[in-house]
């Protein structure tokens, strides 16, 4: 747990229709926000006022088989161009909240994953992105070049693959879930 190599995996993840995933998300979102809100960062609750770039929560293999939603602040508005987004400007923040649903019906909030584009020189390896993970109880799991930074190093290694594709270290919503 102190130096993970990938996201902790959901055992026996459920397969949901987009409508069912959206209904579950709507039901648990107030509790998720209450938990994330225990963190001192205003982004931990403000992100839901930003545009959401997926039509329904989708299961993410790269985020441990959790259902996720992608949000971006106004500075990161080009995120909505998906693969044509280019390099996002300093101050861009991408938020990905998450929850798990297992095939036996267990539903639980998951971490809030944040990426913030920092000024040039912040961290060459990350493309100047700062990664933060806020747990469902508001605690900080880790932050690039900050508290628990070793715990989010695996974020960097995965997102480097996106930089090779010319996508500024960012991934996008799966095609079936992209907004038109």
Foldseek 3Di string as FASTA:
>chain_A
DLFDLAAAADPAFDDDDQVVQQVVCVVCVVLLLVQQVVAPDPCSNCQVVFDKFFQGFDQDVRNRRWTKIKGKHPQQVLCLVFPPSAAGDAAIKIKIWTWTAHPVGDIGTAKIWMWGQHDPPCDVLQLRIKIWIAGSNNDTCDICVDPSNSHCVSLSVVLVVVVVVRNSSDHHDPPVTGDD
